[in-house]
Protein backbone atom coordinates (compact mmCIF):
# COMPACT_ATOMS: atom_id res chain seq x y z
CA MET A 1 -14.47 -11.43 -2.99
CA THR A 2 -15.47 -8.34 -1.63
CA GLU A 3 -13.65 -5.40 1.02
CA GLN A 4 -14.88 -7.10 3.46
CA GLU A 5 -13.72 -10.61 2.71
CA VAL A 6 -10.38 -9.56 1.86
CA PHE A 7 -10.70 -7.10 5.36
CA ASP A 8 -11.47 -10.34 7.28
CA ARG A 9 -8.28 -12.75 5.20
CA LEU A 10 -6.34 -10.20 6.10
CA LEU A 11 -6.75 -9.08 9.60
CA PRO A 12 -5.23 -11.64 11.01
CA LEU A 13 -2.23 -11.49 8.76
CA VAL A 14 -2.26 -7.73 10.16
CA GLN A 15 -2.43 -9.33 13.47
CA GLU A 16 0.60 -11.21 13.01
CA VAL A 17 3.02 -8.64 11.76
CA THR A 18 1.97 -5.97 14.07
CA GLY A 19 0.96 -7.59 17.18
CA ALA A 20 -1.81 -5.43 17.00
CA ARG A 21 -5.49 -6.62 18.69
CA ALA A 22 -8.06 -6.88 16.06
CA GLU A 23 -10.39 -3.86 17.82
CA ARG A 24 -7.21 -1.59 17.28
CA ILE A 25 -7.11 -2.16 13.00
CA SER A 26 -9.02 -0.44 10.89
CA MET A 27 -9.40 0.49 7.37
CA ARG A 28 -7.65 3.71 8.25
CA SER A 29 -5.15 2.22 10.40
CA GLY A 30 -1.62 3.22 9.15
CA MET A 31 1.05 -0.36 9.07
CA MET A 32 3.98 1.38 10.66
CA GLU A 33 2.38 4.83 11.63
CA ASP A 34 -0.97 3.31 14.40
CA LEU A 35 0.36 -0.61 14.40
CA GLY A 36 3.75 -0.26 14.76
CA ALA A 37 5.38 -1.92 12.01
CA GLU A 38 8.40 -1.60 10.83
CA SER A 39 10.10 -2.23 7.31
CA LEU A 40 11.04 -6.05 7.39
CA ASP A 41 7.40 -6.45 8.76
CA LEU A 42 6.01 -5.12 5.43
CA LEU A 43 8.30 -7.47 4.09
CA ASP A 44 7.10 -10.11 6.00
CA PHE A 45 3.58 -8.79 5.48
CA THR A 46 4.11 -9.33 1.62
CA PHE A 47 4.98 -13.03 1.81
CA LEU A 48 2.08 -13.74 3.75
CA ILE A 49 -0.29 -12.03 1.59
CA GLU A 50 1.13 -13.92 -1.25
CA GLU A 51 0.71 -17.20 0.49
CA GLU A 52 -2.90 -16.74 1.64
CA PHE A 53 -4.38 -14.49 -1.71
CA GLY A 54 -2.06 -15.68 -4.45
CA VAL A 55 -1.27 -12.09 -5.24
CA THR A 56 2.28 -10.60 -5.35
CA ILE A 57 2.88 -7.19 -4.06
CA GLY A 58 6.29 -6.21 -5.22
CA ALA A 59 8.38 -4.51 -3.16
CA LYS A 60 7.75 -1.10 -6.18
CA GLU A 61 4.35 -1.47 -6.39
CA PHE A 62 2.49 1.37 -5.25
CA GLU A 63 5.58 3.23 -7.19
CA ARG A 64 4.62 1.61 -10.18
CA ARG A 65 1.38 2.51 -9.84
CA ALA A 66 1.82 6.14 -9.44
CA SER A 67 4.31 6.82 -12.16
CA SER A 68 3.19 4.22 -14.63
CA ASP A 69 0.62 6.99 -15.13
CA LEU A 70 3.64 10.15 -15.48
CA PRO A 71 3.37 11.59 -18.72
CA GLU A 72 6.53 11.22 -20.66
CA GLY A 73 9.29 13.43 -19.89
CA VAL A 74 8.04 14.11 -16.06
CA VAL A 75 10.16 13.11 -13.41
CA TYR A 76 8.27 11.27 -10.46
CA GLU A 77 11.18 11.83 -8.27
CA LYS A 78 14.71 13.96 -8.20
CA ASN A 79 17.12 13.50 -5.73
CA GLY A 80 15.55 11.27 -3.96
CA LEU A 81 12.80 13.01 -3.06
CA LEU A 82 8.77 13.21 -4.76
CA THR A 83 7.77 15.78 -6.97
CA GLU A 84 4.51 17.62 -7.48
CA ALA A 85 3.84 15.16 -10.63
CA ALA A 86 4.52 12.21 -8.22
CA ILE A 87 2.54 13.36 -5.65
CA VAL A 88 -0.82 13.73 -7.76
CA GLU A 89 -0.84 10.43 -8.61
CA LEU A 90 0.33 8.68 -5.55
CA ARG A 91 -3.11 10.80 -3.82
CA LYS A 92 -4.57 9.14 -7.09
CA ALA A 93 -3.08 5.64 -6.75
CA LEU A 94 -3.61 5.47 -2.70
CA PRO A 95 -7.27 7.12 -2.03
CA GLU A 96 -6.51 5.58 1.05
CA VAL A 97 -3.98 7.31 2.20
CA PRO A 98 -4.67 11.15 3.94
CA PRO A 99 -3.67 13.88 1.59
CA GLU A 100 -1.35 15.88 4.06
CA LYS A 101 0.53 12.39 4.54
CA LEU A 102 1.58 12.76 0.74
CA GLN A 103 3.88 16.04 0.20
CA PRO A 104 5.48 17.34 -2.33
CA GLY A 105 9.48 16.97 -1.48
CA MET A 106 9.01 14.12 0.62
CA PRO A 107 11.76 11.22 0.83
CA LYS A 108 10.73 8.82 -1.59
CA ILE A 109 12.00 6.04 0.83
CA THR A 110 8.99 7.40 3.28
CA LEU A 111 6.43 6.04 1.20
CA PRO A 112 6.37 2.64 2.98
CA ARG A 113 5.45 4.76 6.13
CA VAL A 114 2.19 6.20 4.97
CA LEU A 115 0.58 3.08 4.14
CA THR A 116 -2.61 1.78 5.67
CA VAL A 117 -4.54 -1.56 5.77
CA GLY A 118 -7.16 -0.02 3.15
CA VAL A 119 -4.36 0.66 0.45
CA PHE A 120 -3.72 -2.81 0.88
CA VAL A 121 -7.04 -3.92 0.97
CA HIS A 122 -7.62 -2.24 -2.25
CA VAL A 123 -4.38 -3.14 -4.06
CA ILE A 124 -5.16 -7.29 -2.96
CA GLU A 125 -8.40 -6.22 -4.57
CA SER A 126 -7.60 -5.08 -7.57
CA LYS A 127 -5.10 -8.11 -7.90
CA LEU A 128 -7.51 -10.77 -7.23
CA ALA A 129 -9.87 -9.25 -10.42
CA GLU A 130 -6.90 -9.27 -12.45
CA LEU A 131 -5.93 -12.85 -12.03
CA ASP A 132 -10.55 -13.74 -12.32
CA GLU A 133 -10.18 -11.46 -15.91
CA ALA A 134 -7.53 -13.58 -16.53
CA ALA A 135 -9.09 -16.83 -16.20
């Protein structure tokens, strides 16, 4: 499935959870920042994604992707704040997020606030590719 095909199928789901009109939604749109989603909306969104695409996006999906590449002994977060090493890996794992939105010392709990529609499109693409490889 191409990026555009995933986006086209994801668009109605984004509209459902945010109430945003289709013309306001792009790959760069921040789910919370630009489209007004709240934490519970993102949870609903992941359930809708599972129904539509047959893939699961766990609550700590983005954190897991970033922290899995950290060398042993390197700390991802300290006292709830993301370390510089974590930010480096998050920027690699989430290239759709503008780098200035990912800063060392940001509270880990605020990570969902920077997620864009593009992040979800690319995670879905990745998970669908994994399913295809496993089949």
